Amino acid sequence: MTPEHLRTRTPEQLETIIIRHREAGKMGEPLCVKAMAELSTRTVKGFNLKLAVDHLIEAARTETPTDFKQIAIASGVFDPDTQKWGQWVNSALSLDRMCIYCRSHNLPQLTAMLGNAGGKVNDAVTIGFLKGLDAAGIDYKGEPRAIYDEHRLACIQWAKSA
């Protein structure tokens, strides 16, 4: 499949290609890498992945965790002036896509900079983070909070040198 061919695919079709490669343990295959790159260019349901990633990079640079509402605003999913905050926003954020993007662009797992309001971290945040690692085909072992903290530290250290 050529890059031109992938441009004609829907985000759902691209995600299917990625899922199949992940299940086969072949996330590094050229087709999968190209599908991840193409998926990262798409804006779906108002979610602009590049804006979300830029927001997370800034959070890492300033060593300031961000929260779901702030990333929703930064990515274009949520406009606090015209919309009411609700659970619908979390499903529109496509956090798995951010993990896949980070992997395909050799970035640290920037979603480790996310937490609840005020950047607070609880079990739901760490479990969600691990689901993102699963989506990106990244292996891990250990306690969820320790894995999350390790990735957050890697983001901050990366941002200092980037």
Protein backbone atom coordinates (compact mmCIF):
# COMPACT_ATOMS: atom_id res chain seq x y z
CA MET A 1 0.00 0.00 0.00
CA THR A 2 1.42 3.39 -0.96
CA PRO A 3 1.16 6.60 1.07
CA GLU A 4 -1.25 7.88 -1.59
CA HIS A 5 -3.43 4.83 -1.07
CA LEU A 6 -3.47 5.41 2.70
CA ARG A 7 -4.60 9.01 2.19
CA THR A 8 -7.87 7.68 0.76
CA ARG A 9 -8.58 5.58 3.86
CA THR A 10 -10.87 6.72 6.66
CA PRO A 11 -9.47 7.09 10.18
CA GLU A 12 -11.34 3.92 11.13
CA GLN A 13 -9.70 1.99 8.29
CA LEU A 14 -6.28 3.28 9.31
CA GLU A 15 -6.95 2.24 12.90
CA THR A 16 -7.90 -1.24 11.67
CA ILE A 17 -4.55 -1.55 9.87
CA ILE A 18 -2.76 -0.50 13.06
CA ILE A 19 -4.81 -2.86 15.26
CA ARG A 20 -4.10 -5.82 13.00
CA HIS A 21 -0.37 -5.10 13.05
CA ARG A 22 -0.42 -4.68 16.84
CA GLU A 23 -2.22 -8.00 17.27
CA ALA A 24 0.39 -9.66 15.04
CA GLY A 25 3.24 -8.03 16.97
CA LYS A 26 4.36 -6.13 13.87
CA MET A 27 3.97 -2.46 14.82
CA GLY A 28 7.32 -1.67 13.19
CA GLU A 29 6.29 -2.92 9.74
CA PRO A 30 6.39 -0.18 7.06
CA LEU A 31 2.65 -0.33 6.35
CA CYS A 32 1.81 0.09 10.02
CA VAL A 33 4.28 2.96 10.45
CA LYS A 34 2.84 4.69 7.37
CA ALA A 35 -0.72 4.13 8.62
CA MET A 36 0.21 5.64 12.00
CA ALA A 37 1.77 8.64 10.28
CA GLU A 38 -1.28 9.15 8.07
CA LEU A 39 -3.67 8.81 10.99
CA SER A 40 -1.75 11.52 12.84
CA THR A 41 -2.63 14.02 10.10
CA ARG A 42 -6.39 13.61 10.52
CA THR A 43 -8.75 15.82 12.50
CA VAL A 44 -11.64 13.69 13.72
CA LYS A 45 -14.65 15.06 15.63
CA GLY A 46 -12.80 18.33 16.10
CA PHE A 47 -9.77 16.59 17.61
CA ASN A 48 -6.55 17.97 16.14
CA LEU A 49 -3.81 15.56 17.15
CA LYS A 50 -0.94 17.91 16.37
CA LEU A 51 -2.39 20.62 18.62
CA ALA A 52 -2.87 18.07 21.41
CA VAL A 53 0.72 16.86 21.08
CA ASP A 54 2.02 20.43 21.10
CA HIS A 55 0.07 21.05 24.32
CA LEU A 56 1.58 17.96 25.95
CA ILE A 57 5.09 18.92 24.83
CA GLU A 58 4.63 22.31 26.49
CA ALA A 59 3.41 20.58 29.67
CA ALA A 60 6.58 18.45 29.65
CA ARG A 61 8.79 21.50 28.99
CA THR A 62 7.30 23.38 31.93
CA GLU A 63 7.12 20.23 34.08
CA THR A 64 3.46 21.10 34.66
CA PRO A 65 0.96 18.25 34.33
CA THR A 66 -2.14 19.14 32.38
CA ASP A 67 -5.66 17.80 32.58
CA PHE A 68 -8.29 16.44 30.24
CA LYS A 69 -10.19 19.73 30.02
CA GLN A 70 -7.07 21.69 29.08
CA ILE A 71 -6.08 19.23 26.38
CA ALA A 72 -9.64 19.19 25.06
CA ILE A 73 -9.48 22.97 24.70
CA ALA A 74 -5.98 22.89 23.16
CA SER A 75 -6.90 20.17 20.65
CA GLY A 76 -10.07 21.87 19.44
CA VAL A 77 -12.51 19.29 20.83
CA PHE A 78 -13.99 21.61 23.44
CA ASP A 79 -14.80 25.31 23.42
CA PRO A 80 -15.63 26.46 26.96
CA ASP A 81 -17.38 29.55 25.61
CA THR A 82 -19.92 27.60 23.57
CA GLN A 83 -20.05 24.06 24.99
CA LYS A 84 -20.83 22.40 28.29
CA TRP A 85 -18.17 20.10 29.72
CA GLY A 86 -19.21 16.46 29.99
CA GLN A 87 -18.14 12.86 29.59
CA TRP A 88 -18.63 13.14 25.82
CA VAL A 89 -15.39 15.11 25.66
CA ASN A 90 -13.19 12.30 27.00
CA SER A 91 -14.33 9.94 24.23
CA ALA A 92 -13.53 12.59 21.61
CA LEU A 93 -9.94 13.02 22.79
CA SER A 94 -8.52 9.94 21.01
CA LEU A 95 -5.81 9.36 23.61
CA ASP A 96 -4.87 6.07 21.96
CA ARG A 97 -4.07 8.00 18.79
CA MET A 98 -1.71 10.23 20.77
CA CYS A 99 0.15 7.18 22.07
CA ILE A 100 0.38 5.74 18.57
CA TYR A 101 1.58 9.11 17.26
CA CYS A 102 4.26 9.33 19.93
CA ARG A 103 5.50 5.86 19.09
CA SER A 104 5.55 6.47 15.34
CA HIS A 105 7.40 9.77 15.80
CA ASN A 106 9.94 8.47 18.34
CA LEU A 107 8.57 10.69 21.10
CA PRO A 108 8.15 9.77 24.74
CA GLN A 109 4.61 8.79 25.70
CA LEU A 110 3.39 12.33 26.22
CA THR A 111 0.00 11.30 27.59
CA ALA A 112 1.90 10.69 30.83
CA MET A 113 1.64 14.47 31.26
CA LEU A 114 -2.15 14.10 31.59
CA GLY A 115 -4.11 13.77 34.80
CA ASN A 116 -7.44 14.77 36.26
CA ALA A 117 -8.24 18.38 37.21
CA GLY A 118 -5.06 20.07 38.31
CA GLY A 119 -2.97 17.22 36.89
CA LYS A 120 -3.88 14.88 39.75
CA VAL A 121 -3.34 11.19 39.12
CA ASN A 122 -5.54 8.34 40.31
CA ASP A 123 -5.98 4.68 39.35
CA ALA A 124 -8.28 5.53 36.44
CA VAL A 125 -5.62 7.81 34.93
CA THR A 126 -2.86 5.21 35.23
CA ILE A 127 -5.04 2.40 33.86
CA GLY A 128 -6.06 4.62 30.95
CA PHE A 129 -2.41 5.38 30.30
CA LEU A 130 -1.60 1.65 30.17
CA LYS A 131 -4.44 1.16 27.66
CA GLY A 132 -2.75 3.77 25.49
CA LEU A 133 0.54 1.88 25.73
CA ASP A 134 -1.34 -1.27 24.70
CA ALA A 135 -2.84 0.58 21.70
CA ALA A 136 0.63 1.66 20.62
CA GLY A 137 2.01 -1.86 21.04
CA ILE A 138 4.39 -0.86 23.83
CA ASP A 139 5.32 -3.56 26.33
CA TYR A 140 5.49 -2.77 30.03
CA LYS A 141 5.82 -4.55 33.36
CA GLY A 142 5.23 -3.43 36.90
CA GLU A 143 2.78 -1.41 38.93
CA PRO A 144 0.58 0.96 36.88
CA ARG A 145 1.49 4.07 38.89
CA ALA A 146 5.22 3.31 38.70
CA ILE A 147 5.00 2.82 34.92
CA TYR A 148 3.06 6.08 34.56
CA ASP A 149 5.55 7.99 36.74
CA GLU A 150 8.48 6.53 34.79
CA HIS A 151 6.97 7.73 31.51
CA ARG A 152 6.15 11.17 32.94
CA LEU A 153 9.77 11.58 34.05
CA ALA A 154 10.95 10.46 30.59
CA CYS A 155 8.74 13.16 29.02
CA ILE A 156 10.17 15.86 31.24
CA GLN A 157 13.76 14.74 30.66
CA TRP A 158 13.16 14.55 26.90
CA ALA A 159 11.65 18.04 26.84
CA LYS A 160 14.73 19.49 28.58
CA SER A 161 16.95 18.18 25.79
CA ALA A 162 14.60 18.78 22.83
